Protein backbone atom coordinates (compact mmCIF):
# COMPACT_ATOMS: atom_id res chain seq x y z
CA MET A 1 -119.88 79.96 -19.81
CA GLN A 2 -116.42 78.42 -19.83
CA PRO A 3 -116.34 74.69 -19.19
CA MET A 4 -114.97 73.63 -15.83
CA ASN A 5 -111.44 72.35 -15.85
CA GLN A 6 -111.47 68.58 -16.06
CA PRO A 7 -109.16 66.66 -13.75
CA ASN A 8 -106.29 64.86 -15.37
CA GLN A 9 -107.25 61.29 -16.09
CA PRO A 10 -104.76 58.65 -15.00
CA THR A 11 -103.10 56.66 -17.73
CA PRO A 12 -104.98 53.36 -17.93
CA TYR A 13 -103.02 50.29 -16.89
CA LEU A 14 -103.17 47.74 -19.71
CA GLY A 15 -101.02 44.87 -18.46
CA VAL A 16 -97.33 43.99 -18.39
CA LEU A 17 -96.87 43.81 -22.16
CA HIS A 18 -98.26 47.32 -22.56
CA ARG A 19 -96.13 48.74 -19.76
CA TYR A 20 -92.89 46.85 -20.29
CA GLY A 21 -93.19 45.28 -23.74
CA HIS A 22 -90.41 47.46 -25.12
CA LEU A 23 -88.03 45.76 -22.66
CA LEU A 24 -89.07 42.20 -23.44
CA ASP A 25 -87.56 39.95 -26.06
CA LEU A 26 -90.78 38.93 -27.84
CA PRO A 27 -91.18 38.16 -31.58
CA ALA A 28 -92.74 40.72 -33.90
CA HIS A 29 -95.68 38.37 -34.55
CA THR A 30 -96.80 38.55 -30.90
CA ARG A 31 -100.50 39.46 -30.51
CA PRO A 32 -101.16 40.77 -26.99
CA VAL A 33 -103.55 38.74 -24.87
CA THR A 34 -104.06 40.36 -21.49
CA LEU A 35 -106.20 40.20 -18.38
CA LEU A 36 -104.49 43.35 -17.02
CA GLU A 37 -102.03 41.28 -15.02
CA GLY A 38 -99.19 42.75 -13.01
CA ASP A 39 -99.09 46.04 -11.11
CA THR A 40 -99.23 44.07 -7.85
CA ARG A 41 -98.51 45.98 -4.67
CA LEU A 42 -95.52 46.02 -2.38
CA ILE A 43 -97.16 45.74 1.02
CA PRO A 44 -95.08 46.93 3.98
CA VAL A 45 -95.18 44.56 6.96
CA PRO A 46 -93.36 46.41 9.76
CA ARG A 47 -94.98 44.39 12.56
CA LEU A 48 -93.73 41.15 11.04
CA ALA A 49 -90.27 42.68 10.63
CA GLU A 50 -90.30 43.57 14.33
CA GLU A 51 -91.37 40.04 15.25
CA LEU A 52 -88.44 38.69 13.26
CA GLY A 53 -86.22 40.77 15.50
CA GLY A 54 -84.75 43.32 13.19
CA ASP A 55 -84.71 47.03 12.53
CA PHE A 56 -85.24 46.69 8.79
CA GLU A 57 -87.74 47.38 6.01
CA LEU A 58 -89.80 44.39 4.94
CA TYR A 59 -92.24 44.31 2.03
CA VAL A 60 -94.43 41.60 0.54
CA LYS A 61 -94.78 41.52 -3.24
CA PHE A 62 -98.24 39.94 -3.28
CA GLU A 63 -98.55 38.19 -6.62
CA GLY A 64 -101.80 36.61 -5.49
CA LEU A 65 -103.43 39.84 -6.69
CA ASN A 66 -102.96 38.81 -10.32
CA PRO A 67 -106.10 37.87 -12.31
CA THR A 68 -105.95 34.12 -11.69
CA GLY A 69 -104.43 34.52 -8.23
CA SER A 70 -100.77 33.79 -8.92
CA PHE A 71 -97.57 35.14 -10.46
CA LYS A 72 -97.96 32.77 -13.42
CA ASP A 73 -100.13 35.33 -15.22
CA ARG A 74 -97.09 37.52 -15.95
CA GLY A 75 -95.40 34.84 -17.98
CA MET A 76 -98.59 33.44 -19.42
CA THR A 77 -99.65 36.71 -21.05
CA ALA A 78 -96.34 36.64 -22.96
CA ALA A 79 -96.39 32.93 -23.82
CA VAL A 80 -100.00 32.87 -25.03
CA SER A 81 -99.59 36.16 -26.90
CA GLU A 82 -96.67 34.68 -28.81
CA ALA A 83 -98.54 31.43 -29.47
CA LEU A 84 -101.59 33.24 -30.79
CA GLY A 85 -99.44 35.45 -33.00
CA ARG A 86 -97.78 32.51 -34.73
CA GLY A 87 -101.09 30.80 -35.37
CA ALA A 88 -101.19 28.12 -32.69
CA LYS A 89 -104.61 26.59 -32.12
CA ALA A 90 -103.91 25.08 -28.70
CA VAL A 91 -101.61 25.44 -25.70
CA ILE A 92 -100.46 22.72 -23.31
CA CYS A 93 -98.73 22.57 -19.95
CA ALA A 94 -97.88 20.30 -17.05
CA SER A 95 -98.85 21.78 -13.74
CA THR A 96 -99.12 21.44 -10.00
CA GLY A 97 -102.01 23.89 -10.25
CA ASN A 98 -101.17 27.56 -10.77
CA THR A 99 -99.81 27.17 -14.29
CA ALA A 100 -102.90 25.17 -15.25
CA ALA A 101 -105.30 27.86 -14.10
CA SER A 102 -103.29 30.63 -15.74
CA ALA A 103 -102.83 28.81 -19.06
CA ALA A 104 -106.54 27.99 -19.15
CA ALA A 105 -107.56 31.59 -18.47
CA TYR A 106 -105.29 33.13 -21.11
CA ALA A 107 -106.21 30.47 -23.64
CA ALA A 108 -109.88 31.23 -23.00
CA ARG A 109 -109.19 34.94 -23.41
CA SER A 110 -107.50 34.32 -26.77
CA GLY A 111 -109.91 31.68 -28.09
CA LEU A 112 -107.33 28.90 -27.99
CA LYS A 113 -107.82 25.38 -26.65
CA ALA A 114 -105.97 24.61 -23.41
CA VAL A 115 -104.80 21.16 -22.32
CA VAL A 116 -103.28 20.68 -18.86
CA LEU A 117 -101.60 17.57 -17.43
CA ILE A 118 -101.63 17.20 -13.68
CA PRO A 119 -100.03 14.59 -11.40
CA GLN A 120 -102.62 12.30 -9.86
CA GLY A 121 -103.88 13.49 -6.48
CA LYS A 122 -101.22 16.20 -6.19
CA VAL A 123 -103.12 19.37 -7.17
CA ALA A 124 -105.01 21.63 -4.77
CA ALA A 125 -108.75 21.71 -5.43
CA GLY A 126 -108.85 25.50 -5.80
CA LYS A 127 -106.31 25.40 -8.62
CA LEU A 128 -107.90 22.48 -10.42
CA ALA A 129 -111.28 24.20 -10.20
CA GLY A 130 -109.78 27.25 -11.91
CA ALA A 131 -108.51 25.24 -14.86
CA VAL A 132 -111.89 23.56 -15.23
CA ALA A 133 -113.81 26.82 -14.88
CA TYR A 134 -111.77 28.42 -17.67
CA GLY A 135 -112.60 25.50 -19.94
CA ALA A 136 -109.33 23.57 -20.12
CA GLN A 137 -109.15 19.89 -20.94
CA VAL A 138 -107.63 18.45 -17.77
CA VAL A 139 -105.74 15.17 -18.01
CA GLN A 140 -104.56 13.44 -14.83
CA ILE A 141 -101.58 11.11 -15.16
CA GLU A 142 -100.35 8.35 -12.88
CA GLY A 143 -97.03 9.95 -12.13
CA SER A 144 -95.26 13.07 -10.87
CA PHE A 145 -95.10 16.61 -12.20
CA ASP A 146 -91.78 15.72 -13.79
CA ASP A 147 -93.43 12.84 -15.67
CA ALA A 148 -96.16 15.20 -16.86
CA LEU A 149 -93.62 17.78 -18.01
CA ALA A 150 -91.72 15.18 -20.02
CA MET A 151 -94.96 14.21 -21.76
CA VAL A 152 -96.00 17.74 -22.71
CA VAL A 153 -92.52 18.46 -24.06
CA GLU A 154 -92.71 15.34 -26.20
CA ILE A 155 -96.17 16.01 -27.59
CA SER A 156 -95.43 19.69 -28.31
CA ASN A 157 -92.35 18.61 -30.29
CA LYS A 158 -94.49 16.22 -32.31
CA HIS A 159 -97.61 18.34 -32.90
CA PRO A 160 -98.37 22.06 -33.47
CA ILE A 161 -99.34 22.66 -29.85
CA ALA A 162 -97.69 25.54 -27.98
CA LEU A 163 -95.94 24.52 -24.78
CA VAL A 164 -96.44 27.19 -22.10
CA ASN A 165 -94.48 25.82 -19.13
CA SER A 166 -91.62 27.94 -17.81
CA ILE A 167 -89.16 26.24 -20.16
CA ASN A 168 -90.87 28.45 -22.76
CA PRO A 169 -88.52 31.47 -22.90
CA TYR A 170 -91.40 33.93 -23.28
CA ARG A 171 -92.69 32.90 -19.87
CA ILE A 172 -89.45 34.18 -18.36
CA GLU A 173 -89.75 37.42 -20.35
CA GLY A 174 -93.15 38.12 -18.87
CA GLN A 175 -92.27 37.09 -15.34
CA LYS A 176 -89.24 39.34 -15.11
CA THR A 177 -91.59 42.36 -15.16
CA ALA A 178 -92.11 41.78 -11.42
CA ALA A 179 -88.48 42.79 -10.85
CA PHE A 180 -89.06 45.93 -12.93
CA GLU A 181 -92.08 46.82 -10.79
CA ILE A 182 -90.13 46.40 -7.54
CA CYS A 183 -87.40 48.75 -8.78
CA ASP A 184 -89.93 51.27 -10.06
CA THR A 185 -91.73 51.27 -6.70
CA LEU A 186 -88.69 51.42 -4.44
CA GLY A 187 -86.51 53.51 -6.76
CA SER A 188 -83.84 50.80 -6.65
CA ALA A 189 -83.44 47.08 -6.12
CA PRO A 190 -83.90 45.83 -2.54
CA ASP A 191 -80.95 44.53 -0.58
CA TRP A 192 -82.45 41.03 -0.52
CA LEU A 193 -85.21 39.25 -2.41
CA CYS A 194 -86.74 36.13 -0.82
CA LEU A 195 -88.94 33.79 -2.82
CA PRO A 196 -90.11 30.18 -3.11
CA VAL A 197 -88.39 27.87 -5.59
CA GLY A 198 -90.24 25.04 -7.34
CA ASN A 199 -89.63 24.57 -11.05
CA ALA A 200 -87.21 27.52 -10.74
CA GLY A 201 -88.60 29.69 -13.54
CA ASN A 202 -89.49 32.56 -11.20
CA ILE A 203 -86.12 32.95 -9.52
CA THR A 204 -84.53 32.82 -12.99
CA ALA A 205 -86.90 35.52 -14.26
CA TYR A 206 -86.41 37.86 -11.30
CA TRP A 207 -82.64 37.71 -11.63
CA ALA A 208 -82.88 38.41 -15.37
CA GLY A 209 -85.15 41.37 -14.67
CA PHE A 210 -82.95 42.89 -11.99
CA ARG A 211 -79.85 42.51 -14.15
CA GLN A 212 -81.58 44.18 -17.09
CA TYR A 213 -82.83 47.09 -14.97
CA GLU A 214 -79.39 47.54 -13.45
CA ARG A 215 -77.87 47.86 -16.94
CA LEU A 216 -80.54 50.34 -18.02
CA HIS A 217 -81.12 52.40 -14.88
CA GLY A 218 -78.35 51.62 -12.39
CA THR A 219 -80.87 50.35 -9.85
CA GLY A 220 -78.45 47.94 -8.19
CA LEU A 221 -78.78 44.22 -7.68
CA PRO A 222 -80.29 42.28 -4.76
CA HIS A 223 -78.99 39.20 -3.06
CA ILE A 224 -81.46 36.38 -3.67
CA LEU A 225 -82.64 33.89 -1.07
CA GLY A 226 -84.43 31.03 -2.81
CA VAL A 227 -86.36 28.67 -0.57
CA GLN A 228 -87.48 25.09 -1.18
CA ALA A 229 -89.57 22.79 0.99
CA ALA A 230 -87.44 20.22 2.83
CA GLY A 231 -89.35 17.31 1.30
CA SER A 232 -88.88 18.72 -2.17
CA ALA A 233 -85.44 20.30 -2.21
CA PRO A 234 -83.40 18.97 -5.14
CA LEU A 235 -81.35 22.15 -5.47
CA VAL A 236 -80.33 21.98 -1.83
CA LEU A 237 -79.65 18.24 -1.86
CA GLY A 238 -77.79 18.41 -5.16
CA HIS A 239 -79.80 15.69 -6.90
CA PRO A 240 -83.36 15.09 -8.17
CA VAL A 241 -85.99 13.97 -5.66
CA GLU A 242 -87.86 10.99 -7.04
CA HIS A 243 -90.94 11.36 -4.85
CA PRO A 244 -91.17 14.96 -3.61
CA GLU A 245 -93.52 15.55 -0.69
CA THR A 246 -94.64 18.81 0.91
CA VAL A 247 -97.84 20.60 1.88
CA ALA A 248 -96.61 23.41 -0.36
CA THR A 249 -98.07 21.85 -3.51
CA ALA A 250 -96.96 24.65 -5.83
CA ILE A 251 -93.28 23.81 -5.20
CA ARG A 252 -93.64 20.02 -4.96
CA ILE A 253 -91.22 19.44 -7.83
CA GLY A 254 -88.34 16.99 -7.72
CA LYS A 255 -86.46 17.98 -10.86
CA PRO A 256 -86.72 21.72 -11.61
CA ALA A 257 -86.64 22.52 -15.33
CA ARG A 258 -84.54 25.63 -14.68
CA GLY A 259 -82.57 24.31 -11.74
CA GLU A 260 -79.14 25.18 -13.10
CA GLN A 261 -80.24 28.73 -13.85
CA ALA A 262 -81.66 29.06 -10.35
CA LEU A 263 -78.39 27.99 -8.79
CA GLN A 264 -76.55 30.41 -11.06
CA ALA A 265 -78.88 33.27 -10.06
CA ALA A 266 -78.33 32.59 -6.37
CA GLU A 267 -74.56 32.39 -6.79
CA GLU A 268 -74.23 35.46 -9.02
CA SER A 269 -76.36 37.52 -6.64
CA GLY A 270 -74.30 36.55 -3.62
CA GLY A 271 -77.31 34.74 -2.20
CA ARG A 272 -78.24 31.11 -1.66
CA ILE A 273 -80.95 28.48 -1.91
CA ILE A 274 -82.04 26.79 1.31
CA ALA A 275 -84.78 24.44 2.49
CA VAL A 276 -87.30 24.82 5.33
CA SER A 277 -89.73 22.39 6.90
CA ASP A 278 -93.45 22.22 6.21
CA GLU A 279 -93.99 23.30 9.82
CA GLU A 280 -92.00 26.49 9.22
CA ILE A 281 -93.93 27.17 6.01
CA LEU A 282 -97.32 26.74 7.69
CA ALA A 283 -96.27 28.86 10.66
CA MET A 284 -95.30 31.69 8.30
CA GLN A 285 -98.56 31.31 6.36
CA LYS A 286 -100.36 31.88 9.67
CA ARG A 287 -98.19 34.86 10.58
CA LEU A 288 -98.86 36.47 7.21
CA ALA A 289 -102.60 35.97 7.65
CA GLY A 290 -102.18 37.87 10.90
CA GLU A 291 -101.07 40.80 8.74
CA GLY A 292 -104.18 40.44 6.56
CA ILE A 293 -102.28 38.68 3.76
CA TRP A 294 -103.57 35.17 3.05
CA VAL A 295 -101.24 33.20 0.80
CA GLU A 296 -101.12 29.59 -0.29
CA PRO A 297 -98.56 27.53 1.67
CA ALA A 298 -95.86 27.61 -1.02
CA SER A 299 -96.03 31.40 -1.09
CA ALA A 300 -94.97 31.58 2.54
CA ALA A 301 -91.75 29.65 1.84
CA GLY A 302 -89.65 32.70 1.01
CA LEU A 303 -90.46 34.45 4.28
CA ALA A 304 -90.15 31.18 6.18
CA GLY A 305 -86.62 30.92 4.82
CA LEU A 306 -85.83 34.46 5.90
CA ALA A 307 -87.15 33.76 9.41
CA HIS A 308 -85.11 30.55 9.55
CA GLU A 309 -81.90 32.33 8.58
CA ILE A 310 -82.47 35.12 11.11
CA ALA A 311 -83.32 32.71 13.94
CA ALA A 312 -80.20 30.66 13.20
CA GLY A 313 -78.03 33.77 13.31
CA ILE A 314 -76.97 33.24 9.70
CA PHE A 315 -78.55 36.43 8.43
CA LYS A 316 -78.42 39.88 10.05
CA PRO A 317 -81.27 41.99 8.61
CA GLN A 318 -80.57 45.26 10.46
CA GLY A 319 -80.66 48.26 8.15
CA LYS A 320 -81.62 46.18 5.12
CA ARG A 321 -84.52 46.60 2.73
CA ILE A 322 -86.02 43.19 2.00
CA VAL A 323 -88.76 42.11 -0.40
CA ALA A 324 -90.45 38.73 -0.03
CA VAL A 325 -92.38 37.42 -3.01
CA CYS A 326 -95.67 35.71 -2.14
CA THR A 327 -96.56 33.91 -5.33
CA GLY A 328 -100.19 32.87 -4.92
CA HIS A 329 -103.39 33.69 -3.05
CA GLY A 330 -104.60 31.54 -0.17
CA LEU A 331 -107.80 30.76 -2.05
CA LYS A 332 -105.71 28.73 -4.50
CA ASP A 333 -104.95 26.09 -1.84
CA PRO A 334 -107.37 26.42 1.11
CA ASP A 335 -107.31 22.73 2.08
CA ILE A 336 -104.82 23.13 4.94
CA ILE A 337 -107.04 25.75 6.56
CA THR A 338 -110.38 24.08 5.96
CA ARG A 339 -109.25 20.66 7.23
CA ALA A 340 -108.20 22.11 10.58
CA MET A 341 -111.04 24.61 10.84
CA PRO A 342 -113.56 23.92 13.65
CA LEU A 343 -117.21 24.49 12.88
CA PRO A 344 -118.35 27.90 14.18
CA GLU A 345 -120.42 27.74 17.34
CA ALA A 346 -124.14 28.10 16.69
CA LEU A 347 -125.90 30.55 19.03
CA PRO A 348 -129.53 31.48 19.56
CA PRO A 349 -130.27 34.94 18.11
CA ARG A 350 -130.25 36.78 21.47
CA LEU A 351 -128.02 39.73 22.31
CA GLU A 352 -127.22 38.58 25.85
CA VAL A 353 -125.88 35.27 24.52
CA LEU A 354 -123.68 37.05 21.98
CA GLU A 355 -122.40 39.39 24.68
CA GLU A 356 -121.51 36.45 26.90
CA VAL A 357 -119.59 34.73 24.11
CA ILE A 358 -117.55 37.67 22.81
CA LEU A 359 -117.22 39.78 25.94
CA GLY A 360 -116.88 37.03 28.53
């Protein structure tokens, strides 16, 4: 008897270094450390596009589907892989939360020690819990994120500890794979890319990725709309913010490490960087949840900026294809929801009572 024909097996997905490593500028000593990050989906949101008042294509690049729930995993796989390959025994970062969780996870995966510095009282519980769960040594400092970043830079220059913040160039190499994925999915670059801006590594990485893919494949280049929170908008104000404040904790940064590169990316792309209020950010977080996409507040900033520009008549979306990057899952920063959440009504276990409550 002849054996039955076996169906073709799909090529296994092995992470961004496996898929795009040949396009990344990583040293030969790099030893891949992966949690199968990347390959996040472009989710069409036509109802939201209609609500925003335009006949246009709108997609959400939901980076909250990465292993630790944020886009940081793309850069961290590259940074930790390089650190492991050169013999580092520990990694260190300053963080408002997402970087801490990602660094801790990839360090755990590679067998390295992870140390994270966080600003006192400024990190969402869900993110801090991740860093602790993955086994990092968490140090809280009496100061801002910018103070913490200055400290980790200083100690990594003095001791053989690998710095894995976005000033590490390998972080940018990993993060630019998101731009590659967008082009591979759509067949070209979108007309516009909207995304939050905090320490400015992500906007820098996306622009680098789109430029590289345009040179290689002629995929075109998007305009970039970078969005900061109004209480933490140094790139919009034109000067550092000493005491940044916003509910969007992931972008509560007063002196972005890659600020100049972010401004350059916006200018070169024919785009801009704007600021929106916390109220606009939270309203967009709620609207996204209405599409079944729960993101942390900072992740809603990009779309909040798009909505702001459309409502003000500054931006005409008709006929455009727009991608909004949502950088982290709602479970990373649930405090806003849980604080306002009423306790569910308790009912006796009788059908007629349930019918009265839900059917009226």
